[in-house]
Amino acid sequence: MQIFTLPTGEGVYRYQKSIVIPFNGKKKVLSTAHLNGGYSEELKAVFNHDATLGAGMACKLRAETYQEHMKIITEELGLDSGDTAGITTAASMENVAIKTAAYEGLSATAIVTGGIEVNGGRVGDPATWYEVNGKHQEVKQGTINIILYIDGNMPPETLTRALVTCTEAKTAAIQELMLGSMYSRGLATGSGTDGTILIANGEAPDYYQFAGKHSKLGELIGLAVKSAVKEALFLQTGASPKQQFSILRRMQRFGIKLDTIWDQFKTVNDLGKPEFVCLLEKLDKEPELVVLSSLYVHLLDQLDWDLINMEQTAAEAGQILKRMNPKLAAFNGTDLQGVTKDGFIEAMTQKMTGCLVGLLEERICIG
């Protein structure tokens, strides 16, 4: 079925777990596709494909190489594998987000699917696989795939700059949701398998040479991509400001999760886990506590980024914990003698966990 019409009149179609855009004229395409990827002016179509075998099932190669795998998918979609570029994902095409930003005769349309709850990472995180000569191990599901259609003509270098702007917009969307990496305690900047296809209208009458943040084209790319990425993440995984307004979601990248709190809580209280979970869910959304835990997390982030030192972090973290739980009035920070940054953050994490356990115990007494 056709789900959208681009400003040039071309249709965006959804069928066979794919989003497909057949071209009706000359296009300049820059993509991360493994089949016909890179820069090309010869392509006739592009697509984004849900490669899972079924809901909740993994993606698996259907041939010995990824290129052959993509040829199979391309031909099943009724497209020519010689002049088509495609990218794949574990996200459902039913959850696609499409956003257009326009100014006078120029427009940028972002067509995005995404989910990084399993595979989100921060650039520079420890890698999960090593590839050489085309051989590598299977990776986790989770991808933000972007098709960005620009109704304007431009040289290859401008399209390449547009890719940089597009990537910045994707990362900005993730950071504004404070989504954490699955591989470190940092905020995610994307997933390890993100794919991008940029398309410029090679027959447009207007020609553009700049796509950075100072240019109107760069602004439109940022607006369309950031908005579409946020909507796609919401549709696929529920990621949103409302969902993120949670102590656990703010703290989980530092190892503070339901089970870690339960492990400490059950050693000092005989309450059953069902009752514990109900108590924690209420505590988790209390506005003042969410705000304070967010400030606590940001202190740890700034320490990781070397913007503040451990002494400063300990002092301010102590004040936050005292506001969360007045019984911590005797908090004196952490003995910093010979402590590494990692050890210090682990100690701060334990103090926050203890604070939450104490608040839960208070709820039991009050109840």
Protein backbone atom coordinates (compact mmCIF):
# COMPACT_ATOMS: atom_id res chain seq x y z
CA MET A 1 0.00 0.00 0.00
CA GLN A 2 1.10 3.59 -0.58
CA ILE A 3 1.60 5.33 2.77
CA PHE A 4 3.02 8.70 1.69
CA THR A 5 3.57 10.91 -1.34
CA LEU A 6 6.87 12.78 -1.56
CA PRO A 7 6.95 16.43 -2.71
CA THR A 8 8.18 15.20 -6.11
CA GLY A 9 5.10 13.01 -6.51
CA GLU A 10 6.90 9.72 -5.87
CA GLY A 11 5.12 7.23 -3.66
CA VAL A 12 6.42 5.63 -0.48
CA TYR A 13 5.09 2.06 -0.34
CA ARG A 14 4.85 -0.49 2.46
CA TYR A 15 4.65 -4.18 1.57
CA GLN A 16 6.37 -7.48 2.46
CA LYS A 17 7.74 -6.00 5.73
CA SER A 18 9.46 -3.22 3.76
CA ILE A 19 9.30 0.49 2.98
CA VAL A 20 10.05 0.95 -0.73
CA ILE A 21 10.63 4.11 -2.78
CA PRO A 22 10.81 3.62 -6.58
CA PHE A 23 12.32 6.65 -8.33
CA ASN A 24 10.61 8.45 -11.20
CA GLY A 25 13.70 10.30 -12.38
CA LYS A 26 17.40 10.87 -11.79
CA LYS A 27 18.41 10.78 -8.16
CA LYS A 28 21.72 11.24 -6.36
CA VAL A 29 21.98 8.69 -3.56
CA LEU A 30 24.47 8.30 -0.72
CA SER A 31 23.92 5.27 1.51
CA THR A 32 25.43 2.86 4.00
CA ALA A 33 23.84 -0.07 2.12
CA HIS A 34 26.03 -3.14 1.66
CA LEU A 35 24.58 -3.72 -1.82
CA ASN A 36 25.05 -0.78 -4.23
CA GLY A 37 26.01 1.44 -1.31
CA GLY A 38 28.18 4.54 -1.25
CA TYR A 39 27.46 7.29 -3.81
CA SER A 40 25.48 6.58 -6.97
CA GLU A 41 23.47 8.38 -9.63
CA GLU A 42 22.32 5.13 -11.27
CA LEU A 43 19.87 3.73 -8.70
CA LYS A 44 16.20 3.21 -9.50
CA ALA A 45 14.88 2.44 -6.00
CA VAL A 46 15.74 2.18 -2.31
CA PHE A 47 14.17 0.30 0.57
CA ASN A 48 14.18 -0.37 4.32
CA HIS A 49 13.36 -3.96 5.33
CA ASP A 50 12.32 -5.67 8.58
CA ALA A 51 14.60 -8.73 8.51
CA THR A 52 13.20 -10.51 11.56
CA LEU A 53 11.68 -13.94 11.00
CA GLY A 54 8.70 -12.98 13.17
CA ALA A 55 7.72 -10.93 16.19
CA GLY A 56 10.41 -11.24 18.85
CA MET A 57 12.58 -13.39 16.58
CA ALA A 58 16.14 -12.64 15.50
CA CYS A 59 17.43 -11.53 12.11
CA LYS A 60 19.30 -14.26 10.24
CA LEU A 61 21.31 -14.23 7.03
CA ARG A 62 19.66 -16.09 4.17
CA ALA A 63 22.90 -16.54 2.23
CA GLU A 64 26.61 -16.97 2.91
CA THR A 65 27.36 -13.25 2.57
CA TYR A 66 25.42 -10.14 3.52
CA GLN A 67 25.52 -8.94 -0.10
CA GLU A 68 23.89 -12.16 -1.32
CA HIS A 69 21.37 -11.91 1.51
CA MET A 70 20.43 -8.41 0.33
CA LYS A 71 20.10 -9.59 -3.29
CA ILE A 72 17.54 -12.17 -2.20
CA ILE A 73 15.48 -9.57 -0.32
CA THR A 74 15.72 -7.06 -3.18
CA GLU A 75 14.48 -9.52 -5.78
CA GLU A 76 11.64 -10.73 -3.52
CA LEU A 77 10.46 -7.12 -3.39
CA GLY A 78 10.28 -7.10 -7.19
CA LEU A 79 13.27 -4.79 -7.55
CA ASP A 80 16.44 -5.09 -9.61
CA SER A 81 19.41 -6.00 -7.39
CA GLY A 82 21.70 -4.21 -9.84
CA ASP A 83 20.23 -0.75 -9.31
CA THR A 84 18.63 -0.85 -5.86
CA ALA A 85 20.08 -0.05 -2.43
CA GLY A 86 18.49 -1.31 0.77
CA ILE A 87 19.04 -1.38 4.52
CA THR A 88 17.63 -3.78 7.11
CA THR A 89 16.46 -3.63 10.70
CA ALA A 90 14.65 -5.53 13.44
CA ALA A 91 12.07 -2.74 13.74
CA SER A 92 8.57 -3.13 12.33
CA MET A 93 7.67 -1.16 9.21
CA GLU A 94 4.26 -0.59 10.82
CA ASN A 95 6.07 1.74 13.22
CA VAL A 96 7.57 4.00 10.54
CA ALA A 97 7.61 7.75 11.22
CA ILE A 98 7.57 10.23 8.33
CA LYS A 99 8.26 13.93 8.86
CA THR A 100 8.79 16.74 6.34
CA ALA A 101 10.32 20.15 6.96
CA ALA A 102 10.09 22.74 4.16
CA TYR A 103 11.10 26.30 3.32
CA GLU A 104 10.02 27.95 0.08
CA GLY A 105 10.91 25.44 -2.68
CA LEU A 106 13.18 23.25 -0.52
CA SER A 107 12.07 20.28 1.58
CA ALA A 108 13.59 17.41 3.56
CA THR A 109 11.54 14.30 4.34
CA ALA A 110 12.77 11.79 6.93
CA ILE A 111 11.37 8.25 6.80
CA VAL A 112 12.54 6.49 9.96
CA THR A 113 12.19 3.19 11.81
CA GLY A 114 14.02 2.59 15.05
CA GLY A 115 14.56 0.88 18.35
CA ILE A 116 17.68 0.85 20.54
CA GLU A 117 16.44 -0.78 23.74
CA VAL A 118 18.69 -3.79 23.07
CA ASN A 119 21.47 -2.48 20.85
CA GLY A 120 21.89 1.19 21.82
CA GLY A 121 25.47 2.31 22.25
CA ARG A 122 27.67 5.37 22.68
CA VAL A 123 30.38 5.98 20.12
CA GLY A 124 33.66 4.66 21.53
CA ASP A 125 31.99 1.96 23.66
CA PRO A 126 33.69 -1.45 23.88
CA ALA A 127 32.91 -3.29 20.63
CA THR A 128 30.96 -6.55 20.51
CA TRP A 129 32.51 -8.02 17.35
CA TYR A 130 35.46 -7.74 15.01
CA GLU A 131 35.19 -7.92 11.24
CA VAL A 132 37.96 -8.68 8.76
CA ASN A 133 37.69 -9.75 5.14
CA GLY A 134 33.92 -9.84 5.37
CA LYS A 135 33.69 -12.32 8.25
CA HIS A 136 32.06 -11.41 11.54
CA GLN A 137 29.68 -12.74 14.17
CA GLU A 138 25.96 -11.99 14.37
CA VAL A 139 25.05 -8.81 16.26
CA LYS A 140 22.17 -7.96 18.56
CA GLN A 141 18.91 -6.60 17.19
CA GLY A 142 18.26 -2.89 17.35
CA THR A 143 18.67 -0.26 14.68
CA ILE A 144 17.69 3.27 13.68
CA ASN A 145 17.27 3.31 9.91
CA ILE A 146 16.81 6.64 8.14
CA ILE A 147 15.82 7.37 4.56
CA LEU A 148 16.20 11.11 4.00
CA TYR A 149 14.71 12.51 0.79
CA ILE A 150 15.80 16.05 -0.15
CA ASP A 151 13.84 17.77 -2.90
CA GLY A 152 16.80 19.76 -4.16
CA ASN A 153 19.82 19.21 -6.38
CA MET A 154 23.36 19.25 -4.99
CA PRO A 155 26.89 17.97 -5.62
CA PRO A 156 28.17 14.77 -3.93
CA GLU A 157 30.12 16.69 -1.30
CA THR A 158 26.97 18.50 -0.14
CA LEU A 159 25.08 15.23 0.09
CA THR A 160 27.96 13.89 2.18
CA ARG A 161 27.72 16.91 4.48
CA ALA A 162 23.98 16.29 4.72
CA LEU A 163 24.80 12.80 6.04
CA VAL A 164 26.80 14.39 8.88
CA THR A 165 23.92 16.73 9.72
CA CYS A 166 21.45 13.84 9.56
CA THR A 167 23.58 11.79 11.96
CA GLU A 168 23.89 14.70 14.38
CA ALA A 169 20.10 15.07 14.37
CA LYS A 170 19.62 11.37 15.15
CA THR A 171 22.04 11.59 18.07
CA ALA A 172 20.40 14.78 19.36
CA ALA A 173 17.02 13.01 19.41
CA ILE A 174 18.46 10.11 21.43
CA GLN A 175 20.25 12.41 23.86
CA GLU A 176 17.11 14.50 24.43
CA LEU A 177 15.38 11.28 25.51
CA MET A 178 18.38 10.38 27.72
CA LEU A 179 18.47 6.83 26.36
CA GLY A 180 21.42 4.90 27.76
CA SER A 181 24.02 2.71 26.13
CA MET A 182 23.74 -1.05 26.60
CA TYR A 183 27.54 -1.38 26.67
CA SER A 184 28.68 1.40 29.03
CA ARG A 185 27.27 3.89 31.52
CA GLY A 186 27.16 6.60 28.85
CA LEU A 187 24.20 8.05 26.97
CA ALA A 188 23.60 6.33 23.65
CA THR A 189 24.47 8.08 20.38
CA GLY A 190 22.82 5.47 18.13
CA SER A 191 22.86 1.71 17.70
CA GLY A 192 25.75 -0.37 16.41
CA THR A 193 23.87 -1.25 13.23
CA ASP A 194 22.22 2.02 12.14
CA GLY A 195 21.68 2.49 8.41
CA THR A 196 21.12 5.66 6.39
CA ILE A 197 20.08 6.44 2.83
CA LEU A 198 20.18 10.04 1.57
CA ILE A 199 18.47 10.97 -1.69
CA ALA A 200 18.79 14.26 -3.58
CA ASN A 201 16.56 15.14 -6.51
CA GLY A 202 19.00 15.30 -9.43
CA GLU A 203 16.34 16.94 -11.64
CA ALA A 204 15.34 19.73 -9.25
CA PRO A 205 15.73 23.24 -10.69
CA ASP A 206 17.33 24.61 -7.53
CA TYR A 207 20.93 23.74 -6.62
CA TYR A 208 22.32 23.75 -3.08
CA GLN A 209 25.96 23.71 -1.97
CA PHE A 210 25.70 23.77 1.83
CA ALA A 211 24.03 21.36 4.27
CA GLY A 212 25.65 22.26 7.59
CA LYS A 213 23.85 23.69 10.61
CA HIS A 214 24.24 27.31 9.42
CA SER A 215 22.35 26.62 6.18
CA LYS A 216 18.57 26.42 5.78
CA LEU A 217 18.96 22.95 4.28
CA GLY A 218 20.84 21.85 7.40
CA GLU A 219 18.08 23.26 9.60
CA LEU A 220 15.38 21.39 7.66
CA ILE A 221 17.35 18.13 7.86
CA GLY A 222 17.72 18.57 11.61
CA LEU A 223 14.03 19.32 12.15
CA ALA A 224 12.74 16.44 10.02
CA VAL A 225 15.19 13.80 11.23
CA LYS A 226 15.04 14.66 14.93
CA SER A 227 11.26 14.65 14.96
CA ALA A 228 10.98 11.42 12.95
CA VAL A 229 13.57 9.59 15.08
CA LYS A 230 11.72 10.49 18.28
CA GLU A 231 8.39 9.36 16.87
CA ALA A 232 9.84 6.11 15.50
CA LEU A 233 11.43 5.25 18.86
CA PHE A 234 8.11 5.93 20.57
CA LEU A 235 6.14 3.78 18.12
CA GLN A 236 8.61 0.88 18.33
CA THR A 237 9.57 0.85 22.02
CA GLY A 238 7.48 3.50 23.78
CA ALA A 239 10.51 5.77 24.33
CA SER A 240 9.19 9.20 25.29
CA PRO A 241 9.61 11.96 27.88
CA LYS A 242 6.78 10.37 29.89
CA GLN A 243 8.42 6.94 29.86
CA GLN A 244 11.80 8.44 30.74
CA PHE A 245 10.35 10.26 33.76
CA SER A 246 11.49 7.43 35.99
CA ILE A 247 14.22 6.92 38.58
CA LEU A 248 15.03 3.47 37.23
CA ARG A 249 15.21 4.55 33.59
CA ARG A 250 17.48 7.47 34.49
CA MET A 251 19.73 5.28 36.66
CA GLN A 252 19.79 1.93 34.83
CA ARG A 253 22.94 2.66 32.80
CA PHE A 254 24.78 2.91 36.13
CA GLY A 255 23.53 -0.51 37.16
CA ILE A 256 20.64 0.58 39.38
CA LYS A 257 17.77 -1.66 38.32
CA LEU A 258 14.78 -3.34 39.94
CA ASP A 259 16.70 -6.54 40.66
CA THR A 260 19.75 -4.77 42.13
CA ILE A 261 17.51 -2.84 44.52
CA TRP A 262 15.61 -6.03 45.37
CA ASP A 263 18.85 -7.88 46.13
CA GLN A 264 19.74 -5.28 48.76
CA PHE A 265 16.17 -4.76 49.99
CA LYS A 266 15.41 -8.45 50.69
CA THR A 267 18.41 -8.77 53.01
CA VAL A 268 16.91 -6.23 55.44
CA ASN A 269 13.19 -6.82 54.98
CA ASP A 270 10.94 -9.85 54.68
CA LEU A 271 8.44 -8.26 52.30
CA GLY A 272 7.61 -10.45 49.27
CA LYS A 273 8.76 -9.45 45.81
CA PRO A 274 5.25 -8.68 44.45
CA GLU A 275 4.65 -6.16 47.24
CA PHE A 276 8.18 -4.79 46.79
CA VAL A 277 7.65 -4.23 43.07
CA CYS A 278 4.39 -2.36 43.70
CA LEU A 279 6.12 -0.10 46.24
CA LEU A 280 9.05 0.53 43.91
CA GLU A 281 6.80 1.37 40.97
CA LYS A 282 5.15 4.13 43.01
CA LEU A 283 8.48 5.44 44.27
CA ASP A 284 9.92 5.31 40.75
CA LYS A 285 7.58 8.04 39.44
CA GLU A 286 7.55 10.48 42.36
CA PRO A 287 8.33 13.86 40.73
CA GLU A 288 10.78 15.25 43.29
CA LEU A 289 12.71 11.97 43.46
CA VAL A 290 12.92 11.69 39.66
CA VAL A 291 14.28 15.23 39.42
CA LEU A 292 16.84 14.66 42.17
CA SER A 293 17.99 11.33 40.74
CA SER A 294 18.39 13.06 37.36
CA LEU A 295 20.69 15.63 38.96
CA TYR A 296 22.63 12.81 40.63
CA VAL A 297 23.10 11.05 37.29
CA HIS A 298 24.26 14.23 35.60
CA LEU A 299 26.90 14.70 38.29
CA LEU A 300 28.24 11.23 37.51
CA ASP A 301 28.17 12.02 33.77
CA GLN A 302 30.17 15.21 34.30
CA LEU A 303 32.68 13.29 36.39
CA ASP A 304 33.03 10.73 33.57
CA TRP A 305 33.60 13.58 31.10
CA ASP A 306 36.23 15.19 33.41
CA LEU A 307 34.19 18.37 33.78
CA ILE A 308 34.21 18.09 37.58
CA ASN A 309 36.43 16.13 39.98
CA MET A 310 35.59 13.41 42.51
CA GLU A 311 35.68 15.74 45.53
CA GLN A 312 33.16 18.08 43.91
CA THR A 313 30.99 15.16 42.85
CA ALA A 314 31.01 13.63 46.34
CA ALA A 315 30.02 16.90 47.97
CA GLU A 316 27.09 17.65 45.67
CA ALA A 317 25.96 14.03 45.45
CA GLY A 318 25.77 13.99 49.23
CA GLN A 319 23.49 17.03 49.23
CA ILE A 320 21.18 15.39 46.71
CA LEU A 321 20.97 12.17 48.74
CA LYS A 322 20.18 14.15 51.89
CA ARG A 323 17.30 15.84 50.07
CA MET A 324 16.02 12.46 48.89
CA ASN A 325 16.33 10.81 52.27
CA PRO A 326 16.87 13.05 55.34
CA LYS A 327 18.16 10.04 57.28
CA LEU A 328 21.36 10.39 55.23
CA ALA A 329 22.27 13.55 57.13
CA ALA A 330 25.48 11.88 58.24
CA PHE A 331 26.59 11.35 54.64
CA ASN A 332 30.23 12.47 54.34
CA GLY A 333 30.97 11.53 50.76
CA THR A 334 33.46 8.81 49.95
CA ASP A 335 37.01 8.28 51.12
CA LEU A 336 38.86 9.22 47.94
CA GLN A 337 42.27 7.95 49.02
CA GLY A 338 43.50 5.70 46.21
CA VAL A 339 40.01 5.30 44.70
CA THR A 340 39.73 5.13 40.90
CA LYS A 341 36.99 6.96 39.04
CA ASP A 342 35.28 3.65 38.28
CA GLY A 343 35.48 2.62 41.93
CA PHE A 344 34.11 5.99 43.02
CA ILE A 345 31.14 5.78 40.65
CA GLU A 346 30.45 2.26 41.86
CA ALA A 347 30.45 3.56 45.45
CA MET A 348 28.09 6.40 44.47
CA THR A 349 25.82 3.87 42.80
CA GLN A 350 25.72 1.79 45.98
CA LYS A 351 24.86 4.87 48.02
CA MET A 352 21.95 5.70 45.70
CA THR A 353 20.73 2.09 45.89
CA GLY A 354 20.89 2.26 49.69
CA CYS A 355 18.97 5.53 49.63
CA LEU A 356 16.18 3.94 47.57
CA VAL A 357 16.05 0.90 49.85
CA GLY A 358 15.73 3.23 52.84
CA LEU A 359 12.86 5.10 51.20
CA LEU A 360 11.07 1.83 50.50
CA GLU A 361 11.45 0.78 54.13
CA GLU A 362 9.90 4.11 55.18
CA ARG A 363 6.92 3.40 52.89
CA ILE A 364 6.39 0.06 54.65
CA CYS A 365 6.41 1.76 58.06
CA ILE A 366 4.01 4.45 56.90
CA GLY A 367 1.75 1.84 55.27
